Amino acid sequence: MIIGLLQIVQTSQATTATFEIQRLEQEKLAVGAQVGQLEAEVASLSSLARIEGEAKRLGLVKPQSVQAVEVNVPVEEAGLDQLPTRYSAEEQQAEETKQDTALWRDLLGLLPFN
C-alpha cells in the first residue's frame, strides 16, 4: 500500500514538473519573439532615412557652416605619470632582480665549500 502511494506521489510530482517545463518553454518562446520584434523596431528606428525624416518633421535644418576650435593646453610633465611607481616596469624588474639576487646569495651561503 505504501509503495502504491509513493508511486502516485512520484507520478504526480513528475506530471507537475512536466507541465511547469512546458509552461516555461512557451514563455521562453514568447520572450524570444518579443526580443525579435524589439530588435526589428530598433533597426527601423535607427535607419538614417528615418532619422532625417524625423529631423525634417521637427523643423531641424542642416548647418550652413561648421566651425572647428582647437584648444592647446600645456601639460605639466609631472602630471603625465598617473601610475604609482610600484606598477612601473622598471620598478618591478628591479624588485625581481633584488629578490633573485638575495635568494641566490642565500643559497650560495649554504654550500659547504664557502
PDB file of N, CA and C in Angstrom:
ATOM      1  N   MET A   1       0.816  -1.184   0.000  1.00  0.00           N
ATOM      2  CA  MET A   1       0.000   0.000   0.000  1.00  0.00           C
ATOM      3  C   MET A   1       0.867   1.257   0.000  1.00  0.00           C
ATOM      4  N   ILE A   2       1.904   1.267   0.832  1.00  0.00           N
ATOM      5  CA  ILE A   2       2.790   2.427   0.915  1.00  0.00           C
ATOM      6  C   ILE A   2       3.516   2.634  -0.408  1.00  0.00           C
ATOM      7  N   ILE A   3       3.916   1.537  -1.035  1.00  0.00           N
ATOM      8  CA  ILE A   3       4.605   1.626  -2.316  1.00  0.00           C
ATOM      9  C   ILE A   3       3.679   2.227  -3.364  1.00  0.00           C
ATOM     10  N   GLY A   4       2.430   1.855  -3.337  1.00  0.00           N
ATOM     11  CA  GLY A   4       1.452   2.402  -4.271  1.00  0.00           C
ATOM     12  C   GLY A   4       1.280   3.894  -4.073  1.00  0.00           C
ATOM     13  N   LEU A   5       1.236   4.346  -2.818  1.00  0.00           N
ATOM     14  CA  LEU A   5       1.118   5.778  -2.526  1.00  0.00           C
ATOM     15  C   LEU A   5       2.352   6.537  -2.983  1.00  0.00           C
ATOM     16  N   LEU A   6       3.528   5.953  -2.775  1.00  0.00           N
ATOM     17  CA  LEU A   6       4.761   6.591  -3.221  1.00  0.00           C
ATOM     18  C   LEU A   6       4.792   6.729  -4.735  1.00  0.00           C
ATOM     19  N   GLN A   7       4.303   5.725  -5.442  1.00  0.00           N
ATOM     20  CA  GLN A   7       4.263   5.789  -6.900  1.00  0.00           C
ATOM     21  C   GLN A   7       3.303   6.874  -7.370  1.00  0.00           C
ATOM     22  N   ILE A   8       2.188   7.006  -6.691  1.00  0.00           N
ATOM     23  CA  ILE A   8       1.215   8.046  -7.050  1.00  0.00           C
ATOM     24  C   ILE A   8       1.812   9.430  -6.800  1.00  0.00           C
ATOM     25  N   VAL A   9       2.485   9.598  -5.665  1.00  0.00           N
ATOM     26  CA  VAL A   9       3.112  10.888  -5.344  1.00  0.00           C
ATOM     27  C   VAL A   9       4.194  11.216  -6.365  1.00  0.00           C
ATOM     28  N   GLN A  10       5.029  10.242  -6.715  1.00  0.00           N
ATOM     29  CA  GLN A  10       6.087  10.469  -7.698  1.00  0.00           C
ATOM     30  C   GLN A  10       5.505  10.808  -9.059  1.00  0.00           C
ATOM     31  N   THR A  11       4.475  10.096  -9.469  1.00  0.00           N
ATOM     32  CA  THR A  11       3.839  10.360 -10.755  1.00  0.00           C
ATOM     33  C   THR A  11       3.233  11.753 -10.765  1.00  0.00           C
ATOM     34  N   SER A  12       2.612  12.134  -9.673  1.00  0.00           N
ATOM     35  CA  SER A  12       2.010  13.467  -9.559  1.00  0.00           C
ATOM     36  C   SER A  12       3.076  14.552  -9.648  1.00  0.00           C
ATOM     37  N   GLN A  13       4.191  14.353  -8.947  1.00  0.00           N
ATOM     38  CA  GLN A  13       5.285  15.332  -8.985  1.00  0.00           C
ATOM     39  C   GLN A  13       5.889  15.414 -10.384  1.00  0.00           C
ATOM     40  N   ALA A  14       6.050  14.296 -11.043  1.00  0.00           N
ATOM     41  CA  ALA A  14       6.620  14.278 -12.394  1.00  0.00           C
ATOM     42  C   ALA A  14       5.690  14.995 -13.368  1.00  0.00           C
ATOM     43  N   THR A  15       4.388  14.769 -13.228  1.00  0.00           N
ATOM     44  CA  THR A  15       3.418  15.436 -14.102  1.00  0.00           C
ATOM     45  C   THR A  15       3.440  16.938 -13.876  1.00  0.00           C
ATOM     46  N   THR A  16       3.497  17.346 -12.610  1.00  0.00           N
ATOM     47  CA  THR A  16       3.561  18.773 -12.286  1.00  0.00           C
ATOM     48  C   THR A  16       4.825  19.403 -12.859  1.00  0.00           C
ATOM     49  N   ALA A  17       5.949  18.718 -12.725  1.00  0.00           N
ATOM     50  CA  ALA A  17       7.218  19.231 -13.262  1.00  0.00           C
ATOM     51  C   ALA A  17       7.154  19.321 -14.782  1.00  0.00           C
ATOM     52  N   THR A  18       6.527  18.344 -15.433  1.00  0.00           N
ATOM     53  CA  THR A  18       6.408  18.357 -16.896  1.00  0.00           C
ATOM     54  C   THR A  18       5.579  19.547 -17.360  1.00  0.00           C
ATOM     55  N   PHE A  19       4.468  19.814 -16.677  1.00  0.00           N
ATOM     56  CA  PHE A  19       3.645  20.970 -17.036  1.00  0.00           C
ATOM     57  C   PHE A  19       4.400  22.278 -16.824  1.00  0.00           C
ATOM     58  N   GLU A  20       5.159  22.343 -15.760  1.00  0.00           N
ATOM     59  CA  GLU A  20       5.942  23.562 -15.476  1.00  0.00           C
ATOM     60  C   GLU A  20       7.007  23.771 -16.549  1.00  0.00           C
ATOM     61  N   ILE A  21       7.649  22.702 -16.969  1.00  0.00           N
ATOM     62  CA  ILE A  21       8.665  22.801 -18.030  1.00  0.00           C
ATOM     63  C   ILE A  21       8.036  23.277 -19.325  1.00  0.00           C
ATOM     64  N   GLN A  22       6.879  22.721 -19.672  1.00  0.00           N
ATOM     65  CA  GLN A  22       6.193  23.150 -20.894  1.00  0.00           C
ATOM     66  C   GLN A  22       5.794  24.625 -20.815  1.00  0.00           C
ATOM     67  N   ARG A  23       5.302  25.051 -19.643  1.00  0.00           N
ATOM     68  CA  ARG A  23       4.918  26.451 -19.478  1.00  0.00           C
ATOM     69  C   ARG A  23       6.124  27.365 -19.637  1.00  0.00           C
ATOM     70  N   LEU A  24       7.249  26.985 -19.045  1.00  0.00           N
ATOM     71  CA  LEU A  24       8.458  27.798 -19.143  1.00  0.00           C
ATOM     72  C   LEU A  24       8.993  27.835 -20.575  1.00  0.00           C
ATOM     73  N   GLU A  25       8.898  26.724 -21.293  1.00  0.00           N
ATOM     74  CA  GLU A  25       9.349  26.702 -22.692  1.00  0.00           C
ATOM     75  C   GLU A  25       8.482  27.619 -23.554  1.00  0.00           C
ATOM     76  N   GLN A  26       7.163  27.623 -23.300  1.00  0.00           N
ATOM     77  CA  GLN A  26       6.274  28.522 -24.035  1.00  0.00           C
ATOM     78  C   GLN A  26       6.590  29.977 -23.702  1.00  0.00           C
ATOM     79  N   GLU A  27       6.875  30.241 -22.433  1.00  0.00           N
ATOM     80  CA  GLU A  27       7.240  31.604 -22.018  1.00  0.00           C
ATOM     81  C   GLU A  27       8.553  32.031 -22.675  1.00  0.00           C
ATOM     82  N   LYS A  28       9.492  31.099 -22.770  1.00  0.00           N
ATOM     83  CA  LYS A  28      10.771  31.391 -23.424  1.00  0.00           C
ATOM     84  C   LYS A  28      10.559  31.744 -24.889  1.00  0.00           C
ATOM     85  N   LEU A  29       9.706  30.984 -25.574  1.00  0.00           N
ATOM     86  CA  LEU A  29       9.412  31.273 -26.980  1.00  0.00           C
ATOM     87  C   LEU A  29       8.751  32.642 -27.131  1.00  0.00           C
ATOM     88  N   ALA A  30       7.825  32.975 -26.220  1.00  0.00           N
ATOM     89  CA  ALA A  30       7.146  34.271 -26.283  1.00  0.00           C
ATOM     90  C   ALA A  30       8.136  35.411 -26.066  1.00  0.00           C
ATOM     91  N   VAL A  31       9.034  35.247 -25.103  1.00  0.00           N
ATOM     92  CA  VAL A  31      10.039  36.285 -24.840  1.00  0.00           C
ATOM     93  C   VAL A  31      10.994  36.402 -26.026  1.00  0.00           C
ATOM     94  N   GLY A  32      11.366  35.275 -26.628  1.00  0.00           N
ATOM     95  CA  GLY A  32      12.217  35.311 -27.817  1.00  0.00           C
ATOM     96  C   GLY A  32      11.553  36.060 -28.968  1.00  0.00           C
ATOM     97  N   ALA A  33      10.243  35.862 -29.132  1.00  0.00           N
ATOM     98  CA  ALA A  33       9.513  36.584 -30.172  1.00  0.00           C
ATOM     99  C   ALA A  33       9.493  38.078 -29.877  1.00  0.00           C
ATOM    100  N   GLN A  34       9.319  38.442 -28.605  1.00  0.00           N
ATOM    101  CA  GLN A  34       9.342  39.859 -28.220  1.00  0.00           C
ATOM    102  C   GLN A  34      10.709  40.476 -28.505  1.00  0.00           C
ATOM    103  N   VAL A  35      11.763  39.741 -28.210  1.00  0.00           N
ATOM    104  CA  VAL A  35      13.115  40.235 -28.470  1.00  0.00           C
ATOM    105  C   VAL A  35      13.303  40.477 -29.960  1.00  0.00           C
ATOM    106  N   GLY A  36      12.834  39.561 -30.778  1.00  0.00           N
ATOM    107  CA  GLY A  36      12.929  39.728 -32.224  1.00  0.00           C
ATOM    108  C   GLY A  36      12.183  40.966 -32.705  1.00  0.00           C
ATOM    109  N   GLN A  37      10.980  41.188 -32.156  1.00  0.00           N
ATOM    110  CA  GLN A  37      10.207  42.371 -32.529  1.00  0.00           C
ATOM    111  C   GLN A  37      10.929  43.649 -32.105  1.00  0.00           C
ATOM    112  N   LEU A  38      11.484  43.648 -30.909  1.00  0.00           N
ATOM    113  CA  LEU A  38      12.200  44.840 -30.428  1.00  0.00           C
ATOM    114  C   LEU A  38      13.454  45.110 -31.254  1.00  0.00           C
ATOM    115  N   GLU A  39      14.163  44.055 -31.658  1.00  0.00           N
ATOM    116  CA  GLU A  39      15.349  44.239 -32.492  1.00  0.00           C
ATOM    117  C   GLU A  39      14.968  44.838 -33.840  1.00  0.00           C
ATOM    118  N   ALA A  40      13.857  44.360 -34.413  1.00  0.00           N
ATOM    119  CA  ALA A  40      13.395  44.906 -35.690  1.00  0.00           C
ATOM    120  C   ALA A  40      12.990  46.371 -35.531  1.00  0.00           C
ATOM    121  N   GLU A  41      12.358  46.688 -34.418  1.00  0.00           N
ATOM    122  CA  GLU A  41      11.955  48.079 -34.160  1.00  0.00           C
ATOM    123  C   GLU A  41      13.172  48.987 -34.001  1.00  0.00           C
ATOM    124  N   VAL A  42      14.181  48.511 -33.288  1.00  0.00           N
ATOM    125  CA  VAL A  42      15.416  49.297 -33.120  1.00  0.00           C
ATOM    126  C   VAL A  42      16.077  49.519 -34.471  1.00  0.00           C
ATOM    127  N   ALA A  43      16.119  48.492 -35.306  1.00  0.00           N
ATOM    128  CA  ALA A  43      16.735  48.622 -36.630  1.00  0.00           C
ATOM    129  C   ALA A  43      15.985  49.645 -37.479  1.00  0.00           C
ATOM    130  N   SER A  44      14.661  49.613 -37.419  1.00  0.00           N
ATOM    131  CA  SER A  44      13.897  50.573 -38.234  1.00  0.00           C
ATOM    132  C   SER A  44      14.022  51.991 -37.684  1.00  0.00           C
ATOM    133  N   LEU A  45      14.072  52.131 -36.361  1.00  0.00           N
ATOM    134  CA  LEU A  45      14.174  53.463 -35.761  1.00  0.00           C
ATOM    135  C   LEU A  45      15.567  54.067 -35.932  1.00  0.00           C
ATOM    136  N   SER A  46      16.582  53.239 -36.111  1.00  0.00           N
ATOM    137  CA  SER A  46      17.939  53.770 -36.217  1.00  0.00           C
ATOM    138  C   SER A  46      18.385  53.970 -37.665  1.00  0.00           C
ATOM    139  N   SER A  47      17.489  53.765 -38.625  1.00  0.00           N
ATOM    140  CA  SER A  47      17.884  53.970 -40.018  1.00  0.00           C
ATOM    141  C   SER A  47      18.081  55.459 -40.289  1.00  0.00           C
ATOM    142  N   LEU A  48      19.048  55.770 -41.135  1.00  0.00           N
ATOM    143  CA  LEU A  48      19.394  57.162 -41.430  1.00  0.00           C
ATOM    144  C   LEU A  48      18.233  57.892 -42.093  1.00  0.00           C
ATOM    145  N   ALA A  49      17.516  57.222 -42.980  1.00  0.00           N
ATOM    146  CA  ALA A  49      16.387  57.864 -43.669  1.00  0.00           C
ATOM    147  C   ALA A  49      15.300  58.253 -42.669  1.00  0.00           C
ATOM    148  N   ARG A  50      15.031  57.403 -41.710  1.00  0.00           N
ATOM    149  CA  ARG A  50      14.015  57.699 -40.698  1.00  0.00           C
ATOM    150  C   ARG A  50      14.436  58.863 -39.823  1.00  0.00           C
ATOM    151  N   ILE A  51      15.709  58.883 -39.431  1.00  0.00           N
ATOM    152  CA  ILE A  51      16.210  59.972 -38.584  1.00  0.00           C
ATOM    153  C   ILE A  51      16.140  61.295 -39.340  1.00  0.00           C
ATOM    154  N   GLU A  52      16.529  61.290 -40.608  1.00  0.00           N
ATOM    155  CA  GLU A  52      16.449  62.529 -41.403  1.00  0.00           C
ATOM    156  C   GLU A  52      15.002  62.981 -41.554  1.00  0.00           C
ATOM    157  N   GLY A  53      14.077  62.049 -41.787  1.00  0.00           N
ATOM    158  CA  GLY A  53      12.663  62.389 -41.896  1.00  0.00           C
ATOM    159  C   GLY A  53      12.129  62.976 -40.606  1.00  0.00           C
ATOM    160  N   GLU A  54      12.528  62.396 -39.491  1.00  0.00           N
ATOM    161  CA  GLU A  54      12.085  62.900 -38.182  1.00  0.00           C
ATOM    162  C   GLU A  54      12.669  64.280 -37.913  1.00  0.00           C
ATOM    163  N   ALA A  55      13.906  64.508 -38.323  1.00  0.00           N
ATOM    164  CA  ALA A  55      14.529  65.825 -38.144  1.00  0.00           C
ATOM    165  C   ALA A  55      13.787  66.880 -38.972  1.00  0.00           C
ATOM    166  N   LYS A  56      13.415  66.541 -40.184  1.00  0.00           N
ATOM    167  CA  LYS A  56      12.652  67.483 -41.027  1.00  0.00           C
ATOM    168  C   LYS A  56      11.285  67.762 -40.421  1.00  0.00           C
ATOM    169  N   ARG A  57      10.644  66.725 -39.906  1.00  0.00           N
ATOM    170  CA  ARG A  57       9.335  66.889 -39.273  1.00  0.00           C
ATOM    171  C   ARG A  57       9.417  67.841 -38.084  1.00  0.00           C
ATOM    172  N   LEU A  58      10.517  67.773 -37.362  1.00  0.00           N
ATOM    173  CA  LEU A  58      10.701  68.652 -36.202  1.00  0.00           C
ATOM    174  C   LEU A  58      11.179  70.047 -36.591  1.00  0.00           C
ATOM    175  N   GLY A  59      11.479  70.258 -37.869  1.00  0.00           N
ATOM    176  CA  GLY A  59      11.912  71.575 -38.323  1.00  0.00           C
ATOM    177  C   GLY A  59      13.413  71.801 -38.208  1.00  0.00           C
ATOM    178  N   LEU A  60      14.163  70.759 -38.035  1.00  0.00           N
ATOM    179  CA  LEU A  60      15.618  70.898 -37.950  1.00  0.00           C
ATOM    180  C   LEU A  60      16.199  71.033 -39.350  1.00  0.00           C
ATOM    181  N   VAL A  61      17.248  71.823 -39.479  1.00  0.00           N
ATOM    182  CA  VAL A  61      17.910  72.002 -40.767  1.00  0.00           C
ATOM    183  C   VAL A  61      19.392  71.730 -40.603  1.00  0.00           C
ATOM    184  N   LYS A  62      20.042  71.413 -41.723  1.00  0.00           N
ATOM    185  CA  LYS A  62      21.486  71.183 -41.681  1.00  0.00           C
ATOM    186  C   LYS A  62      22.186  72.511 -41.443  1.00  0.00           C
ATOM    187  N   PRO A  63      23.323  72.516 -40.761  1.00  0.00           N
ATOM    188  CA  PRO A  63      24.038  73.765 -40.505  1.00  0.00           C
ATOM    189  C   PRO A  63      24.586  74.364 -41.802  1.00  0.00           C
ATOM    190  N   GLN A  64      24.627  75.709 -41.849  1.00  0.00           N
ATOM    191  CA  GLN A  64      25.153  76.401 -43.025  1.00  0.00           C
ATOM    192  C   GLN A  64      26.673  76.277 -43.092  1.00  0.00           C
ATOM    193  N   SER A  65      27.307  76.319 -41.946  1.00  0.00           N
ATOM    194  CA  SER A  65      28.764  76.186 -41.916  1.00  0.00           C
ATOM    195  C   SER A  65      29.164  75.470 -40.626  1.00  0.00           C
ATOM    196  N   VAL A  66      30.378  74.967 -40.656  1.00  0.00           N
ATOM    197  CA  VAL A  66      30.888  74.254 -39.495  1.00  0.00           C
ATOM    198  C   VAL A  66      32.156  74.947 -39.038  1.00  0.00           C
ATOM    199  N   GLN A  67      32.251  75.201 -37.753  1.00  0.00           N
ATOM    200  CA  GLN A  67      33.461  75.816 -37.201  1.00  0.00           C
ATOM    201  C   GLN A  67      34.157  74.798 -36.315  1.00  0.00           C
ATOM    202  N   ALA A  68      35.459  74.763 -36.450  1.00  0.00           N
ATOM    203  CA  ALA A  68      36.265  73.896 -35.599  1.00  0.00           C
ATOM    204  C   ALA A  68      37.128  74.764 -34.711  1.00  0.00           C
ATOM    205  N   VAL A  69      37.196  74.423 -33.456  1.00  0.00           N
ATOM    206  CA  VAL A  69      38.000  75.162 -32.496  1.00  0.00           C
ATOM    207  C   VAL A  69      39.047  74.213 -31.944  1.00  0.00           C
ATOM    208  N   GLU A  70      40.302  74.618 -32.011  1.00  0.00           N
ATOM    209  CA  GLU A  70      41.386  73.796 -31.477  1.00  0.00           C
ATOM    210  C   GLU A  70      41.875  74.444 -30.196  1.00  0.00           C
ATOM    211  N   VAL A  71      41.962  73.677 -29.157  1.00  0.00           N
ATOM    212  CA  VAL A  71      42.386  74.182 -27.861  1.00  0.00           C
ATOM    213  C   VAL A  71      43.690  73.494 -27.495  1.00  0.00           C
ATOM    214  N   ASN A  72      44.720  74.282 -27.275  1.00  0.00           N
ATOM    215  CA  ASN A  72      46.009  73.751 -26.843  1.00  0.00           C
ATOM    216  C   ASN A  72      46.217  74.124 -25.388  1.00  0.00           C
ATOM    217  N   VAL A  73      46.339  73.127 -24.562  1.00  0.00           N
ATOM    218  CA  VAL A  73      46.540  73.346 -23.141  1.00  0.00           C
ATOM    219  C   VAL A  73      47.873  72.707 -22.777  1.00  0.00           C
ATOM    220  N   PRO A  74      48.781  73.484 -22.186  1.00  0.00           N
ATOM    221  CA  PRO A  74      50.065  72.880 -21.801  1.00  0.00           C
ATOM    222  C   PRO A  74      49.861  71.854 -20.679  1.00  0.00           C
ATOM    223  N   VAL A  75      50.608  70.769 -20.797  1.00  0.00           N
ATOM    224  CA  VAL A  75      50.511  69.701 -19.809  1.00  0.00           C
ATOM    225  C   VAL A  75      51.829  69.644 -19.057  1.00  0.00           C
ATOM    226  N   GLU A  76      51.730  69.616 -17.751  1.00  0.00           N
ATOM    227  CA  GLU A  76      52.941  69.527 -16.934  1.00  0.00           C
ATOM    228  C   GLU A  76      53.505  68.104 -17.015  1.00  0.00           C
ATOM    229  N   GLU A  77      54.812  68.006 -17.041  1.00  0.00           N
ATOM    230  CA  GLU A  77      55.469  66.700 -17.131  1.00  0.00           C
ATOM    231  C   GLU A  77      55.152  65.831 -15.914  1.00  0.00           C
ATOM    232  N   ALA A  78      55.084  66.439 -14.747  1.00  0.00           N
ATOM    233  CA  ALA A  78      54.828  65.661 -13.535  1.00  0.00           C
ATOM    234  C   ALA A  78      53.424  65.059 -13.558  1.00  0.00           C
ATOM    235  N   GLY A  79      52.493  65.691 -14.241  1.00  0.00           N
ATOM    236  CA  GLY A  79      51.126  65.204 -14.284  1.00  0.00           C
ATOM    237  C   GLY A  79      50.924  64.027 -15.232  1.00  0.00           C
ATOM    238  N   LEU A  80      51.930  63.707 -16.049  1.00  0.00           N
ATOM    239  CA  LEU A  80      51.782  62.633 -17.020  1.00  0.00           C
ATOM    240  C   LEU A  80      51.816  61.251 -16.380  1.00  0.00           C
ATOM    241  N   ASP A  81      52.629  61.076 -15.373  1.00  0.00           N
ATOM    242  CA  ASP A  81      52.782  59.771 -14.743  1.00  0.00           C
ATOM    243  C   ASP A  81      51.669  59.569 -13.721  1.00  0.00           C
ATOM    244  N   GLN A  82      50.649  58.837 -14.104  1.00  0.00           N
ATOM    245  CA  GLN A  82      49.500  58.647 -13.230  1.00  0.00           C
ATOM    246  C   GLN A  82      49.607  57.379 -12.378  1.00  0.00           C
ATOM    247  N   LEU A  83      50.450  56.418 -12.794  1.00  0.00           N
ATOM    248  CA  LEU A  83      50.576  55.170 -12.050  1.00  0.00           C
ATOM    249  C   LEU A  83      51.558  55.321 -10.891  1.00  0.00           C
ATOM    250  N   PRO A  84      51.303  54.673  -9.787  1.00  0.00           N
ATOM    251  CA  PRO A  84      52.293  54.650  -8.708  1.00  0.00           C
ATOM    252  C   PRO A  84      53.554  53.933  -9.198  1.00  0.00           C
ATOM    253  N   THR A  85      54.683  54.287  -8.649  1.00  0.00           N
ATOM    254  CA  THR A  85      55.950  53.728  -9.119  1.00  0.00           C
ATOM    255  C   THR A  85      56.030  52.219  -8.948  1.00  0.00           C
ATOM    256  N   ARG A  86      55.295  51.665  -7.993  1.00  0.00           N
ATOM    257  CA  ARG A  86      55.373  50.211  -7.793  1.00  0.00           C
ATOM    258  C   ARG A  86      54.788  49.437  -8.969  1.00  0.00           C
ATOM    259  N   TYR A  87      54.030  50.104  -9.844  1.00  0.00           N
ATOM    260  CA  TYR A  87      53.466  49.445 -11.014  1.00  0.00           C
ATOM    261  C   TYR A  87      54.294  49.660 -12.271  1.00  0.00           C
ATOM    262  N   SER A  88      55.321  50.449 -12.218  1.00  0.00           N
ATOM    263  CA  SER A  88      56.126  50.677 -13.408  1.00  0.00           C
ATOM    264  C   SER A  88      56.973  49.433 -13.690  1.00  0.00           C
ATOM    265  N   ALA A  89      57.258  49.209 -14.970  1.00  0.00           N
ATOM    266  CA  ALA A  89      58.004  48.022 -15.373  1.00  0.00           C
ATOM    267  C   ALA A  89      59.416  48.041 -14.804  1.00  0.00           C
ATOM    268  N   GLU A  90      60.042  49.208 -14.777  1.00  0.00           N
ATOM    269  CA  GLU A  90      61.415  49.298 -14.263  1.00  0.00           C
ATOM    270  C   GLU A  90      61.457  48.957 -12.777  1.00  0.00           C
ATOM    271  N   GLU A  91      60.492  49.431 -12.028  1.00  0.00           N
ATOM    272  CA  GLU A  91      60.460  49.165 -10.588  1.00  0.00           C
ATOM    273  C   GLU A  91      60.228  47.681 -10.324  1.00  0.00           C
ATOM    274  N   GLN A  92      59.335  47.054 -11.091  1.00  0.00           N
ATOM    275  CA  GLN A  92      59.074  45.635 -10.908  1.00  0.00           C
ATOM    276  C   GLN A  92      60.300  44.804 -11.253  1.00  0.00           C
ATOM    277  N   GLN A  93      60.990  45.180 -12.337  1.00  0.00           N
ATOM    278  CA  GLN A  93      62.175  44.443 -12.734  1.00  0.00           C
ATOM    279  C   GLN A  93      63.273  44.577 -11.672  1.00  0.00           C
ATOM    280  N   ALA A  94      63.445  45.771 -11.145  1.00  0.00           N
ATOM    281  CA  ALA A  94      64.446  45.983 -10.103  1.00  0.00           C
ATOM    282  C   ALA A  94      64.115  45.170  -8.859  1.00  0.00           C
ATOM    283  N   GLU A  95      62.846  45.109  -8.514  1.00  0.00           N
ATOM    284  CA  GLU A  95      62.422  44.341  -7.342  1.00  0.00           C
ATOM    285  C   GLU A  95      62.648  42.849  -7.551  1.00  0.00           C
ATOM    286  N   GLU A  96      62.345  42.344  -8.753  1.00  0.00           N
ATOM    287  CA  GLU A  96      62.567  40.928  -9.051  1.00  0.00           C
ATOM    288  C   GLU A  96      64.053  40.600  -9.005  1.00  0.00           C
ATOM    289  N   THR A  97      64.882  41.469  -9.567  1.00  0.00           N
ATOM    290  CA  THR A  97      66.324  41.247  -9.558  1.00  0.00           C
ATOM    291  C   THR A  97      66.838  41.234  -8.123  1.00  0.00           C
ATOM    292  N   LYS A  98      66.337  42.140  -7.319  1.00  0.00           N
ATOM    293  CA  LYS A  98      66.753  42.241  -5.913  1.00  0.00           C
ATOM    294  C   LYS A  98      66.375  40.960  -5.174  1.00  0.00           C
ATOM    295  N   GLN A  99      65.167  40.444  -5.406  1.00  0.00           N
ATOM    296  CA  GLN A  99      64.738  39.215  -4.745  1.00  0.00           C
ATOM    297  C   GLN A  99      65.540  38.018  -5.241  1.00  0.00           C
ATOM    298  N   ASP A 100      65.777  37.940  -6.558  1.00  0.00           N
ATOM    299  CA  ASP A 100      66.543  36.831  -7.113  1.00  0.00           C
ATOM    300  C   ASP A 100      67.962  36.827  -6.562  1.00  0.00           C
ATOM    301  N   THR A 101      68.579  38.007  -6.496  1.00  0.00           N
ATOM    302  CA  THR A 101      69.946  38.103  -6.005  1.00  0.00           C
ATOM    303  C   THR A 101      70.019  37.683  -4.545  1.00  0.00           C
ATOM    304  N   ALA A 102      69.083  38.119  -3.755  1.00  0.00           N
ATOM    305  CA  ALA A 102      69.104  37.770  -2.338  1.00  0.00           C
ATOM    306  C   ALA A 102      68.941  36.261  -2.165  1.00  0.00           C
ATOM    307  N   LEU A 103      68.076  35.640  -2.905  1.00  0.00           N
ATOM    308  CA  LEU A 103      67.860  34.204  -2.813  1.00  0.00           C
ATOM    309  C   LEU A 103      69.109  33.461  -3.283  1.00  0.00           C
ATOM    310  N   TRP A 104      69.709  33.915  -4.357  1.00  0.00           N
ATOM    311  CA  TRP A 104      70.911  33.290  -4.899  1.00  0.00           C
ATOM    312  C   TRP A 104      72.046  33.356  -3.882  1.00  0.00           C
ATOM    313  N   ARG A 105      72.192  34.518  -3.291  1.00  0.00           N
ATOM    314  CA  ARG A 105      73.262  34.660  -2.295  1.00  0.00           C
ATOM    315  C   ARG A 105      73.003  33.772  -1.078  1.00  0.00           C
ATOM    316  N   ASP A 106      71.762  33.666  -0.679  1.00  0.00           N
ATOM    317  CA  ASP A 106      71.441  32.798   0.453  1.00  0.00           C
ATOM    318  C   ASP A 106      71.772  31.344   0.137  1.00  0.00           C
ATOM    319  N   LEU A 107      71.462  30.912  -1.087  1.00  0.00           N
ATOM    320  CA  LEU A 107      71.765  29.530  -1.454  1.00  0.00           C
ATOM    321  C   LEU A 107      73.277  29.285  -1.524  1.00  0.00           C
ATOM    322  N   LEU A 108      74.001  30.284  -2.041  1.00  0.00           N
ATOM    323  CA  LEU A 108      75.468  30.137  -2.089  1.00  0.00           C
ATOM    324  C   LEU A 108      76.058  30.043  -0.689  1.00  0.00           C
ATOM    325  N   GLY A 109      75.471  30.757   0.230  1.00  0.00           N
ATOM    326  CA  GLY A 109      75.973  30.720   1.619  1.00  0.00           C
ATOM    327  C   GLY A 109      75.782  29.367   2.269  1.00  0.00           C
ATOM    328  N   LEU A 110      74.845  28.571   1.786  1.00  0.00           N
ATOM    329  CA  LEU A 110      74.600  27.265   2.358  1.00  0.00           C
ATOM    330  C   LEU A 110      75.574  26.190   1.876  1.00  0.00           C
ATOM    331  N   LEU A 111      76.305  26.477   0.802  1.00  0.00           N
ATOM    332  CA  LEU A 111      77.234  25.494   0.247  1.00  0.00           C
ATOM    333  C   LEU A 111      78.424  25.297   1.191  1.00  0.00           C
ATOM    334  N   PRO A 112      78.912  24.058   1.326  1.00  0.00           N
ATOM    335  CA  PRO A 112      79.970  23.755   2.287  1.00  0.00           C
ATOM    336  C   PRO A 112      81.358  24.285   1.909  1.00  0.00           C
ATOM    337  N   PHE A 113      81.604  24.565   0.644  1.00  0.00           N
ATOM    338  CA  PHE A 113      82.960  24.994   0.257  1.00  0.00           C
ATOM    339  C   PHE A 113      83.161  26.485   0.396  1.00  0.00           C
ATOM    340  N   ASN A 114      82.232  27.260   0.891  1.00  0.00           N
ATOM    341  CA  ASN A 114      82.407  28.707   1.081  1.00  0.00           C
ATOM    342  C   ASN A 114      83.155  29.026   2.332  1.00  0.00           C
TER     343      ASN A 114
END
